[in-house]
């Protein structure tokens, strides 16, 4: 079960609205959605939560690049909404790295031979696990790290210090909203 909401900061405090993410396919789409909710280019927070698995916060301040925090990147990677937040930049990858890897995998078959080349692996008593060790190193470099990922100071200036953010687990969005003074507002859309 997912929950998504926008919290827009105004002169009078926070305004909350629930939001559907059905039409959101990229971080850019999500950022545009947040900017539309902004009053005078003030701060907008996008909350996404998958019950008992992970939560994410995207902060958009005017035209600045969005700032992202994800409580559990591994759990988020198994979610279509989480994949939106797990950008190449956040994961420390070169932009388009996945496209390059996919193109290379297409050129090289699953048996590590180029299209049309016969498998000419010599039988020199090496085991499959010896060869797999090299492949595992490549997979580790592209793996999503376990645990929190992103800007841990995303809410520090709004009343939620880094250490407290990192300790949040269940009902995290309620606790975040409480720290921001927006618990009642968020509850109206929950």
N, C-alpha and C. Protein backbone atom coordinates (compact mmCIF):
# COMPACT_ATOMS: atom_id res chain seq x y z
N UNK A 1 0.84 -1.18 0.00
CA UNK A 1 0.00 0.00 0.00
C UNK A 1 0.89 1.25 0.00
N UNK A 2 0.61 2.14 -0.91
CA UNK A 2 1.38 3.38 -1.04
C UNK A 2 0.58 4.57 -0.55
N UNK A 3 1.31 5.56 -0.09
CA UNK A 3 0.72 6.85 0.25
C UNK A 3 1.65 7.91 -0.32
N UNK A 4 1.06 8.90 -0.97
CA UNK A 4 1.85 10.00 -1.51
C UNK A 4 1.12 11.31 -1.22
N UNK A 5 1.88 12.32 -0.80
CA UNK A 5 1.30 13.62 -0.50
C UNK A 5 2.30 14.72 -0.79
N UNK A 6 1.76 15.90 -1.00
CA UNK A 6 2.57 17.11 -1.17
C UNK A 6 2.33 18.02 0.02
N UNK A 7 3.40 18.59 0.55
CA UNK A 7 3.30 19.62 1.58
C UNK A 7 3.95 20.87 1.01
N UNK A 8 3.16 21.91 0.83
CA UNK A 8 3.67 23.17 0.28
C UNK A 8 3.72 24.21 1.39
N UNK A 9 4.87 24.85 1.52
CA UNK A 9 5.04 25.87 2.55
C UNK A 9 4.49 27.20 2.04
N UNK A 10 3.69 27.85 2.87
CA UNK A 10 3.11 29.14 2.52
C UNK A 10 3.39 30.13 3.65
N UNK A 11 2.95 31.36 3.48
CA UNK A 11 3.10 32.36 4.54
C UNK A 11 2.35 31.95 5.80
N UNK A 12 1.25 31.22 5.62
CA UNK A 12 0.39 30.83 6.74
C UNK A 12 0.74 29.45 7.30
N UNK A 13 1.79 28.84 6.86
CA UNK A 13 2.17 27.50 7.32
C UNK A 13 2.21 26.53 6.15
N UNK A 14 1.89 25.29 6.44
CA UNK A 14 1.94 24.24 5.43
C UNK A 14 0.55 23.94 4.89
N UNK A 15 0.46 23.66 3.60
CA UNK A 15 -0.76 23.18 2.96
C UNK A 15 -0.47 21.80 2.42
N UNK A 16 -1.38 20.87 2.68
CA UNK A 16 -1.17 19.49 2.24
C UNK A 16 -2.19 19.11 1.17
N UNK A 17 -1.76 18.25 0.28
CA UNK A 17 -2.66 17.66 -0.70
C UNK A 17 -2.17 16.26 -1.01
N UNK A 18 -3.13 15.33 -1.11
CA UNK A 18 -2.71 14.00 -1.53
C UNK A 18 -2.49 14.05 -3.03
N UNK A 19 -1.74 13.14 -3.52
CA UNK A 19 -1.42 13.18 -4.94
C UNK A 19 -1.38 11.78 -5.51
N UNK A 20 -1.79 11.67 -6.73
CA UNK A 20 -1.70 10.41 -7.47
C UNK A 20 -0.41 10.43 -8.27
N UNK A 21 0.28 9.33 -8.26
CA UNK A 21 1.55 9.23 -8.98
C UNK A 21 1.42 8.40 -10.25
N UNK A 22 0.18 8.11 -10.66
CA UNK A 22 -0.04 7.26 -11.83
C UNK A 22 0.61 7.82 -13.10
N UNK A 23 0.58 9.14 -13.26
CA UNK A 23 1.14 9.76 -14.46
C UNK A 23 2.60 10.18 -14.30
N UNK A 24 3.17 9.92 -13.14
CA UNK A 24 4.56 10.29 -12.86
C UNK A 24 5.47 9.13 -13.24
N UNK A 25 6.35 9.38 -14.21
CA UNK A 25 7.25 8.32 -14.66
C UNK A 25 8.71 8.62 -14.35
N UNK A 26 9.03 9.90 -14.12
CA UNK A 26 10.42 10.28 -13.88
C UNK A 26 10.50 11.26 -12.72
N UNK A 27 11.71 11.48 -12.24
CA UNK A 27 11.92 12.48 -11.20
C UNK A 27 11.55 13.86 -11.71
N UNK A 28 11.78 14.11 -12.98
CA UNK A 28 11.42 15.39 -13.58
C UNK A 28 9.90 15.61 -13.52
N UNK A 29 9.12 14.57 -13.79
CA UNK A 29 7.66 14.67 -13.68
C UNK A 29 7.25 14.99 -12.25
N UNK A 30 7.88 14.33 -11.29
CA UNK A 30 7.57 14.54 -9.88
C UNK A 30 7.95 15.96 -9.46
N UNK A 31 9.08 16.44 -9.93
CA UNK A 31 9.53 17.80 -9.63
C UNK A 31 8.56 18.82 -10.21
N UNK A 32 8.11 18.60 -11.42
CA UNK A 32 7.12 19.51 -12.04
C UNK A 32 5.83 19.53 -11.24
N UNK A 33 5.38 18.37 -10.77
CA UNK A 33 4.18 18.28 -9.95
C UNK A 33 4.34 19.10 -8.67
N UNK A 34 5.51 19.00 -8.05
CA UNK A 34 5.78 19.76 -6.83
C UNK A 34 5.80 21.26 -7.11
N UNK A 35 6.42 21.66 -8.19
CA UNK A 35 6.50 23.09 -8.52
C UNK A 35 5.12 23.68 -8.80
N UNK A 36 4.23 22.88 -9.36
CA UNK A 36 2.86 23.35 -9.59
C UNK A 36 2.13 23.63 -8.29
N UNK A 37 2.49 22.92 -7.22
CA UNK A 37 1.85 23.12 -5.91
C UNK A 37 2.51 24.25 -5.12
N UNK A 38 3.62 24.74 -5.60
CA UNK A 38 4.38 25.76 -4.88
C UNK A 38 3.69 27.12 -4.92
N UNK A 39 3.79 27.82 -3.80
CA UNK A 39 3.31 29.18 -3.71
C UNK A 39 4.54 30.08 -3.68
N UNK A 40 4.66 30.96 -4.66
CA UNK A 40 5.80 31.89 -4.73
C UNK A 40 7.15 31.18 -4.69
N UNK A 41 7.24 30.03 -5.35
CA UNK A 41 8.47 29.25 -5.44
C UNK A 41 9.04 28.88 -4.07
N UNK A 42 8.16 28.70 -3.10
CA UNK A 42 8.59 28.30 -1.77
C UNK A 42 8.79 26.78 -1.72
N UNK A 43 9.21 26.27 -0.60
CA UNK A 43 9.52 24.86 -0.42
C UNK A 43 8.29 23.97 -0.57
N UNK A 44 8.46 22.89 -1.32
CA UNK A 44 7.43 21.85 -1.44
C UNK A 44 8.12 20.52 -1.13
N UNK A 45 7.47 19.73 -0.29
CA UNK A 45 7.95 18.40 0.03
C UNK A 45 7.00 17.37 -0.56
N UNK A 46 7.56 16.37 -1.20
CA UNK A 46 6.77 15.25 -1.70
C UNK A 46 7.10 14.06 -0.82
N UNK A 47 6.07 13.47 -0.22
CA UNK A 47 6.23 12.29 0.61
C UNK A 47 5.71 11.09 -0.16
N UNK A 48 6.50 10.03 -0.17
CA UNK A 48 6.06 8.75 -0.74
C UNK A 48 6.39 7.69 0.30
N UNK A 49 5.41 6.85 0.58
CA UNK A 49 5.62 5.82 1.60
C UNK A 49 5.00 4.51 1.13
N UNK A 50 5.78 3.45 1.23
CA UNK A 50 5.23 2.11 1.04
C UNK A 50 5.18 1.51 2.43
N UNK A 51 3.99 1.20 2.86
CA UNK A 51 3.75 0.75 4.23
C UNK A 51 4.74 -0.32 4.69
N UNK A 52 5.38 -0.04 5.81
CA UNK A 52 6.32 -0.97 6.47
C UNK A 52 7.52 -1.37 5.62
N UNK A 53 7.80 -0.66 4.53
CA UNK A 53 8.94 -1.02 3.70
C UNK A 53 9.94 0.13 3.56
N UNK A 54 9.48 1.29 3.12
CA UNK A 54 10.38 2.41 2.91
C UNK A 54 9.57 3.70 2.77
N UNK A 55 10.27 4.83 2.92
CA UNK A 55 9.65 6.11 2.62
C UNK A 55 10.68 6.98 1.92
N UNK A 56 10.18 7.94 1.18
CA UNK A 56 11.06 8.88 0.49
C UNK A 56 10.53 10.29 0.64
N UNK A 57 11.45 11.24 0.66
CA UNK A 57 11.11 12.65 0.71
C UNK A 57 11.86 13.33 -0.42
N UNK A 58 11.14 14.09 -1.22
CA UNK A 58 11.74 14.90 -2.26
C UNK A 58 11.45 16.34 -1.90
N UNK A 59 12.48 17.14 -1.86
CA UNK A 59 12.33 18.56 -1.52
C UNK A 59 12.62 19.40 -2.76
N UNK A 60 11.69 20.28 -3.08
CA UNK A 60 11.86 21.18 -4.21
C UNK A 60 11.76 22.61 -3.70
N UNK A 61 12.83 23.37 -3.88
CA UNK A 61 12.88 24.77 -3.49
C UNK A 61 13.00 25.61 -4.76
N UNK A 62 11.89 26.17 -5.20
CA UNK A 62 11.91 27.00 -6.40
C UNK A 62 12.44 26.24 -7.61
N UNK A 63 13.41 26.84 -8.28
CA UNK A 63 13.99 26.23 -9.48
C UNK A 63 15.24 25.39 -9.19
N UNK A 64 15.60 25.25 -7.90
CA UNK A 64 16.76 24.43 -7.54
C UNK A 64 16.51 22.97 -7.89
N UNK A 65 17.59 22.22 -8.06
CA UNK A 65 17.46 20.79 -8.28
C UNK A 65 16.80 20.15 -7.07
N UNK A 66 15.99 19.12 -7.28
CA UNK A 66 15.34 18.45 -6.15
C UNK A 66 16.37 17.74 -5.28
N UNK A 67 16.07 17.71 -4.01
CA UNK A 67 16.88 16.97 -3.04
C UNK A 67 16.07 15.75 -2.61
N UNK A 68 16.75 14.62 -2.45
CA UNK A 68 16.04 13.36 -2.23
C UNK A 68 16.63 12.63 -1.02
N UNK A 69 15.74 12.03 -0.23
CA UNK A 69 16.15 11.11 0.83
C UNK A 69 15.25 9.89 0.74
N UNK A 70 15.86 8.70 0.81
CA UNK A 70 15.14 7.44 0.79
C UNK A 70 15.57 6.64 2.01
N UNK A 71 14.60 6.14 2.77
CA UNK A 71 14.92 5.44 4.02
C UNK A 71 15.59 4.09 3.81
N UNK A 72 15.22 3.39 2.74
CA UNK A 72 15.81 2.07 2.45
C UNK A 72 15.88 1.91 0.94
N UNK A 73 17.04 2.14 0.38
CA UNK A 73 17.21 2.12 -1.07
C UNK A 73 16.93 0.74 -1.67
N UNK A 74 17.30 -0.31 -0.97
CA UNK A 74 17.07 -1.66 -1.49
C UNK A 74 15.58 -1.94 -1.62
N UNK A 75 14.82 -1.59 -0.60
CA UNK A 75 13.36 -1.78 -0.65
C UNK A 75 12.75 -0.90 -1.74
N UNK A 76 13.22 0.33 -1.85
CA UNK A 76 12.69 1.26 -2.85
C UNK A 76 12.98 0.77 -4.27
N UNK A 77 14.10 0.09 -4.46
CA UNK A 77 14.46 -0.41 -5.79
C UNK A 77 13.48 -1.46 -6.29
N UNK A 78 12.75 -2.08 -5.38
CA UNK A 78 11.76 -3.10 -5.76
C UNK A 78 10.38 -2.48 -5.99
N UNK A 79 10.32 -1.17 -5.98
CA UNK A 79 9.07 -0.45 -6.12
C UNK A 79 9.11 0.46 -7.34
N UNK A 80 8.02 0.50 -8.08
CA UNK A 80 8.01 1.38 -9.26
C UNK A 80 8.14 2.85 -8.85
N UNK A 81 7.56 3.23 -7.72
CA UNK A 81 7.71 4.61 -7.26
C UNK A 81 9.12 4.86 -6.73
N UNK A 82 9.69 3.87 -6.11
CA UNK A 82 11.06 4.00 -5.62
C UNK A 82 12.06 4.17 -6.75
N UNK A 83 11.80 3.46 -7.85
CA UNK A 83 12.70 3.58 -9.01
C UNK A 83 12.74 4.99 -9.56
N UNK A 84 11.65 5.73 -9.41
CA UNK A 84 11.61 7.13 -9.85
C UNK A 84 12.64 7.95 -9.07
N UNK A 85 12.77 7.67 -7.78
CA UNK A 85 13.67 8.43 -6.91
C UNK A 85 15.12 7.99 -7.01
N UNK A 86 15.35 6.74 -7.39
CA UNK A 86 16.71 6.19 -7.45
C UNK A 86 17.37 6.57 -8.78
N UNK A 87 17.74 7.81 -8.89
CA UNK A 87 18.37 8.32 -10.12
C UNK A 87 19.82 7.88 -10.19
N UNK A 88 20.39 7.96 -11.38
CA UNK A 88 21.82 7.64 -11.56
C UNK A 88 22.67 8.51 -10.64
N UNK A 89 22.35 9.78 -10.55
CA UNK A 89 23.12 10.71 -9.71
C UNK A 89 23.06 10.29 -8.25
N UNK A 90 21.88 9.93 -7.75
CA UNK A 90 21.74 9.52 -6.37
C UNK A 90 22.53 8.24 -6.08
N UNK A 91 22.57 7.36 -7.07
CA UNK A 91 23.29 6.09 -6.92
C UNK A 91 24.78 6.20 -7.23
N UNK A 92 25.22 7.39 -7.65
CA UNK A 92 26.63 7.60 -7.95
C UNK A 92 27.06 6.98 -9.26
N UNK A 93 26.13 6.83 -10.19
CA UNK A 93 26.43 6.27 -11.50
C UNK A 93 26.52 7.39 -12.52
N UNK A 94 27.19 7.10 -13.59
CA UNK A 94 27.20 8.03 -14.72
C UNK A 94 25.81 8.05 -15.32
N UNK A 95 25.28 9.23 -15.67
CA UNK A 95 23.96 9.27 -16.32
C UNK A 95 23.94 8.40 -17.58
N UNK A 96 22.89 7.61 -17.70
CA UNK A 96 22.75 6.73 -18.87
C UNK A 96 23.52 5.44 -18.75
N UNK A 97 24.11 5.17 -17.59
CA UNK A 97 24.92 3.96 -17.43
C UNK A 97 24.10 2.71 -17.68
N UNK A 98 22.85 2.70 -17.23
CA UNK A 98 22.01 1.52 -17.44
C UNK A 98 21.76 1.29 -18.92
N UNK A 99 21.57 2.38 -19.69
CA UNK A 99 21.37 2.24 -21.13
C UNK A 99 22.60 1.66 -21.79
N UNK A 100 23.77 2.10 -21.38
CA UNK A 100 25.03 1.60 -21.93
C UNK A 100 25.20 0.13 -21.60
N UNK A 101 24.91 -0.24 -20.36
CA UNK A 101 25.04 -1.64 -19.95
C UNK A 101 24.08 -2.51 -20.74
N UNK A 102 22.84 -2.05 -20.91
CA UNK A 102 21.85 -2.82 -21.67
C UNK A 102 22.29 -3.00 -23.12
N UNK A 103 22.86 -1.95 -23.71
CA UNK A 103 23.32 -2.04 -25.10
C UNK A 103 24.47 -3.03 -25.22
N UNK A 104 25.39 -3.01 -24.26
CA UNK A 104 26.51 -3.95 -24.28
C UNK A 104 26.03 -5.38 -24.08
N UNK A 105 25.07 -5.57 -23.18
CA UNK A 105 24.53 -6.91 -22.96
C UNK A 105 23.85 -7.45 -24.21
N UNK A 106 23.26 -6.55 -24.97
CA UNK A 106 22.61 -6.96 -26.22
C UNK A 106 23.65 -7.43 -27.24
N UNK A 107 24.82 -6.76 -27.27
CA UNK A 107 25.88 -7.15 -28.19
C UNK A 107 26.51 -8.48 -27.80
N UNK A 108 26.61 -8.69 -26.50
CA UNK A 108 27.23 -9.91 -26.00
C UNK A 108 26.12 -10.79 -25.47
N UNK A 109 26.05 -12.02 -25.96
CA UNK A 109 25.00 -12.94 -25.54
C UNK A 109 25.17 -13.34 -24.09
N UNK A 110 24.20 -14.07 -23.59
CA UNK A 110 24.26 -14.53 -22.21
C UNK A 110 25.45 -15.45 -21.96
N UNK A 111 25.97 -16.08 -23.03
CA UNK A 111 27.11 -16.98 -22.85
C UNK A 111 28.43 -16.25 -23.03
N UNK A 112 28.40 -14.90 -22.98
CA UNK A 112 29.59 -14.06 -23.09
C UNK A 112 30.30 -14.17 -24.43
N UNK A 113 29.58 -14.57 -25.47
CA UNK A 113 30.16 -14.58 -26.81
C UNK A 113 29.47 -13.53 -27.64
N UNK A 114 30.19 -12.98 -28.60
CA UNK A 114 29.57 -12.00 -29.47
C UNK A 114 28.64 -12.73 -30.43
N UNK A 115 27.65 -12.01 -30.95
CA UNK A 115 26.70 -12.62 -31.88
C UNK A 115 27.44 -13.30 -33.03
N UNK A 116 27.08 -14.55 -33.26
CA UNK A 116 27.64 -15.27 -34.39
C UNK A 116 28.94 -16.00 -34.07
N UNK A 117 29.63 -15.66 -33.00
CA UNK A 117 30.87 -16.34 -32.63
C UNK A 117 30.54 -17.61 -31.86
N UNK A 118 31.20 -18.70 -32.21
CA UNK A 118 30.96 -19.93 -31.45
C UNK A 118 31.59 -19.80 -30.06
N UNK A 119 31.06 -20.56 -29.13
CA UNK A 119 31.61 -20.58 -27.78
C UNK A 119 32.90 -21.39 -27.82
N UNK A 120 34.03 -20.73 -27.72
CA UNK A 120 35.32 -21.41 -27.81
C UNK A 120 36.07 -21.35 -26.50
N UNK A 121 35.34 -21.48 -25.41
CA UNK A 121 35.97 -21.45 -24.10
C UNK A 121 36.82 -22.69 -23.94
N UNK A 122 38.12 -22.51 -23.67
CA UNK A 122 38.98 -23.69 -23.50
C UNK A 122 38.65 -24.42 -22.21
N UNK A 123 38.81 -25.72 -22.26
CA UNK A 123 38.57 -26.53 -21.07
C UNK A 123 39.89 -26.67 -20.32
N UNK A 124 40.14 -25.73 -19.42
CA UNK A 124 41.41 -25.77 -18.69
C UNK A 124 41.17 -25.95 -17.19
N UNK A 125 40.16 -26.71 -16.88
CA UNK A 125 39.83 -27.07 -15.51
C UNK A 125 39.49 -25.88 -14.62
N UNK A 126 39.03 -24.80 -15.19
CA UNK A 126 38.53 -23.71 -14.35
C UNK A 126 37.07 -23.98 -14.09
N UNK A 127 36.64 -23.66 -12.91
CA UNK A 127 35.24 -23.90 -12.58
C UNK A 127 34.42 -22.66 -12.90
N UNK A 128 33.13 -22.87 -12.99
CA UNK A 128 32.23 -21.76 -13.30
C UNK A 128 32.29 -20.70 -12.21
N UNK A 129 32.54 -21.12 -10.97
CA UNK A 129 32.58 -20.13 -9.89
C UNK A 129 33.80 -19.23 -10.01
N UNK A 130 34.90 -19.74 -10.60
CA UNK A 130 36.08 -18.89 -10.81
C UNK A 130 35.74 -17.76 -11.77
N UNK A 131 35.04 -18.11 -12.84
CA UNK A 131 34.66 -17.10 -13.83
C UNK A 131 33.61 -16.15 -13.27
N UNK A 132 32.73 -16.66 -12.42
CA UNK A 132 31.66 -15.84 -11.87
C UNK A 132 32.18 -14.77 -10.92
N UNK A 133 33.36 -14.99 -10.32
CA UNK A 133 33.89 -14.00 -9.39
C UNK A 133 34.09 -12.66 -10.08
N UNK A 134 34.57 -12.65 -11.31
CA UNK A 134 34.77 -11.41 -12.04
C UNK A 134 33.43 -10.74 -12.33
N UNK A 135 32.42 -11.53 -12.67
CA UNK A 135 31.10 -10.98 -12.96
C UNK A 135 30.48 -10.36 -11.71
N UNK A 136 30.70 -10.96 -10.54
CA UNK A 136 30.13 -10.44 -9.31
C UNK A 136 30.66 -9.04 -9.01
N UNK A 137 31.93 -8.77 -9.34
CA UNK A 137 32.48 -7.43 -9.11
C UNK A 137 31.72 -6.39 -9.92
N UNK A 138 31.35 -6.74 -11.15
CA UNK A 138 30.59 -5.82 -11.99
C UNK A 138 29.21 -5.58 -11.41
N UNK A 139 28.56 -6.62 -10.91
CA UNK A 139 27.24 -6.47 -10.35
C UNK A 139 27.26 -5.62 -9.08
N UNK A 140 28.28 -5.79 -8.24
CA UNK A 140 28.37 -5.02 -7.02
C UNK A 140 28.47 -3.53 -7.30
N UNK A 141 29.15 -3.16 -8.36
CA UNK A 141 29.32 -1.75 -8.69
C UNK A 141 27.99 -1.11 -9.06
N UNK A 142 27.08 -1.88 -9.62
CA UNK A 142 25.79 -1.34 -10.03
C UNK A 142 24.67 -1.62 -9.03
N UNK A 143 24.96 -2.33 -7.96
CA UNK A 143 23.94 -2.70 -6.99
C UNK A 143 23.46 -1.47 -6.22
N UNK A 144 22.23 -1.52 -5.78
CA UNK A 144 21.67 -0.46 -4.96
C UNK A 144 22.09 -0.72 -3.53
N UNK A 145 22.63 0.29 -2.85
CA UNK A 145 23.09 0.08 -1.48
C UNK A 145 21.92 -0.16 -0.52
N UNK A 146 22.17 -0.94 0.49
CA UNK A 146 21.16 -1.18 1.51
C UNK A 146 21.09 0.01 2.45
N UNK A 147 19.93 0.25 3.01
CA UNK A 147 19.76 1.31 3.99
C UNK A 147 19.47 2.67 3.38
N UNK A 148 19.59 3.71 4.21
CA UNK A 148 19.26 5.07 3.77
C UNK A 148 20.18 5.55 2.65
N UNK A 149 19.62 6.42 1.80
CA UNK A 149 20.37 6.96 0.68
C UNK A 149 19.87 8.36 0.39
N UNK A 150 20.79 9.24 0.08
CA UNK A 150 20.41 10.58 -0.33
C UNK A 150 20.84 11.64 0.68
N UNK A 151 20.15 12.76 0.63
CA UNK A 151 20.47 13.94 1.44
C UNK A 151 19.87 13.80 2.83
N UNK A 152 20.69 13.40 3.78
CA UNK A 152 20.21 13.18 5.15
C UNK A 152 19.91 14.49 5.88
N UNK A 153 20.36 15.60 5.33
CA UNK A 153 20.10 16.91 5.95
C UNK A 153 18.95 17.64 5.24
N UNK A 154 18.16 16.91 4.50
CA UNK A 154 17.09 17.47 3.68
C UNK A 154 16.08 18.28 4.49
N UNK A 155 15.85 17.90 5.74
CA UNK A 155 14.84 18.57 6.57
C UNK A 155 15.44 19.27 7.78
N UNK A 156 16.75 19.32 7.87
CA UNK A 156 17.41 19.87 9.07
C UNK A 156 17.01 21.32 9.33
N UNK A 157 16.94 22.14 8.30
CA UNK A 157 16.58 23.55 8.50
C UNK A 157 15.09 23.74 8.74
N UNK A 158 14.30 22.68 8.60
CA UNK A 158 12.87 22.76 8.83
C UNK A 158 12.46 22.15 10.17
N UNK A 159 13.43 21.68 10.94
CA UNK A 159 13.13 21.19 12.28
C UNK A 159 13.37 19.72 12.53
N UNK A 160 13.88 18.99 11.54
CA UNK A 160 14.15 17.56 11.74
C UNK A 160 15.62 17.29 11.46
N UNK A 161 16.43 17.20 12.53
CA UNK A 161 17.86 16.97 12.35
C UNK A 161 18.17 15.63 11.67
N UNK A 162 19.34 15.56 11.09
CA UNK A 162 19.81 14.38 10.36
C UNK A 162 19.70 13.10 11.20
N UNK A 163 20.15 13.14 12.45
CA UNK A 163 20.15 11.95 13.30
C UNK A 163 18.74 11.43 13.52
N UNK A 164 17.78 12.32 13.70
CA UNK A 164 16.39 11.89 13.91
C UNK A 164 15.80 11.31 12.63
N UNK A 165 16.11 11.91 11.49
CA UNK A 165 15.61 11.38 10.22
C UNK A 165 16.10 9.95 9.99
N UNK A 166 17.35 9.71 10.30
CA UNK A 166 17.93 8.38 10.09
C UNK A 166 17.35 7.32 11.03
N UNK A 167 16.74 7.74 12.12
CA UNK A 167 16.18 6.79 13.09
C UNK A 167 14.72 6.43 12.79
N UNK A 168 14.08 7.15 11.88
CA UNK A 168 12.67 6.92 11.59
C UNK A 168 12.46 5.60 10.86
N UNK A 169 11.39 4.88 11.22
CA UNK A 169 11.08 3.61 10.55
C UNK A 169 9.60 3.58 10.16
N UNK A 170 8.71 3.19 11.06
CA UNK A 170 7.29 3.12 10.74
C UNK A 170 6.62 4.43 11.12
N UNK A 171 5.56 4.76 10.42
CA UNK A 171 4.86 6.03 10.60
C UNK A 171 5.80 7.21 10.48
N UNK A 172 6.79 7.08 9.64
CA UNK A 172 7.82 8.11 9.49
C UNK A 172 7.23 9.43 9.01
N UNK A 173 6.31 9.38 8.07
CA UNK A 173 5.77 10.63 7.52
C UNK A 173 5.00 11.40 8.57
N UNK A 174 4.33 10.71 9.48
CA UNK A 174 3.62 11.37 10.57
C UNK A 174 4.64 12.07 11.49
N UNK A 175 5.72 11.39 11.79
CA UNK A 175 6.75 11.98 12.65
C UNK A 175 7.44 13.17 11.97
N UNK A 176 7.67 13.06 10.67
CA UNK A 176 8.27 14.17 9.93
C UNK A 176 7.34 15.37 9.95
N UNK A 177 6.07 15.14 9.64
CA UNK A 177 5.08 16.22 9.62
C UNK A 177 4.96 16.86 11.00
N UNK A 178 5.03 16.05 12.04
CA UNK A 178 4.97 16.57 13.41
C UNK A 178 6.16 17.49 13.69
N UNK A 179 7.35 17.08 13.28
CA UNK A 179 8.55 17.90 13.48
C UNK A 179 8.47 19.22 12.70
N UNK A 180 7.77 19.20 11.56
CA UNK A 180 7.63 20.40 10.73
C UNK A 180 6.47 21.28 11.19
N UNK A 181 5.67 20.79 12.13
CA UNK A 181 4.49 21.53 12.56
C UNK A 181 3.34 21.38 11.58
N UNK A 182 3.32 20.28 10.85
CA UNK A 182 2.31 20.08 9.81
C UNK A 182 1.53 18.78 9.99
N UNK A 183 1.54 18.22 11.19
CA UNK A 183 0.90 16.92 11.42
C UNK A 183 -0.61 16.98 11.15
N UNK A 184 -1.28 18.03 11.64
CA UNK A 184 -2.72 18.14 11.44
C UNK A 184 -3.06 18.30 9.96
N UNK A 185 -2.26 19.07 9.25
CA UNK A 185 -2.49 19.31 7.83
C UNK A 185 -2.30 18.01 7.04
N UNK A 186 -1.26 17.26 7.35
CA UNK A 186 -1.02 16.00 6.65
C UNK A 186 -2.13 14.99 6.95
N UNK A 187 -2.61 15.00 8.18
CA UNK A 187 -3.65 14.05 8.58
C UNK A 187 -4.93 14.26 7.77
N UNK A 188 -5.19 15.46 7.31
CA UNK A 188 -6.41 15.71 6.53
C UNK A 188 -6.40 15.01 5.18
N UNK A 189 -5.22 14.69 4.66
CA UNK A 189 -5.13 14.01 3.36
C UNK A 189 -4.75 12.55 3.48
N UNK A 190 -4.49 12.10 4.67
CA UNK A 190 -4.05 10.72 4.88
C UNK A 190 -5.19 9.79 4.86
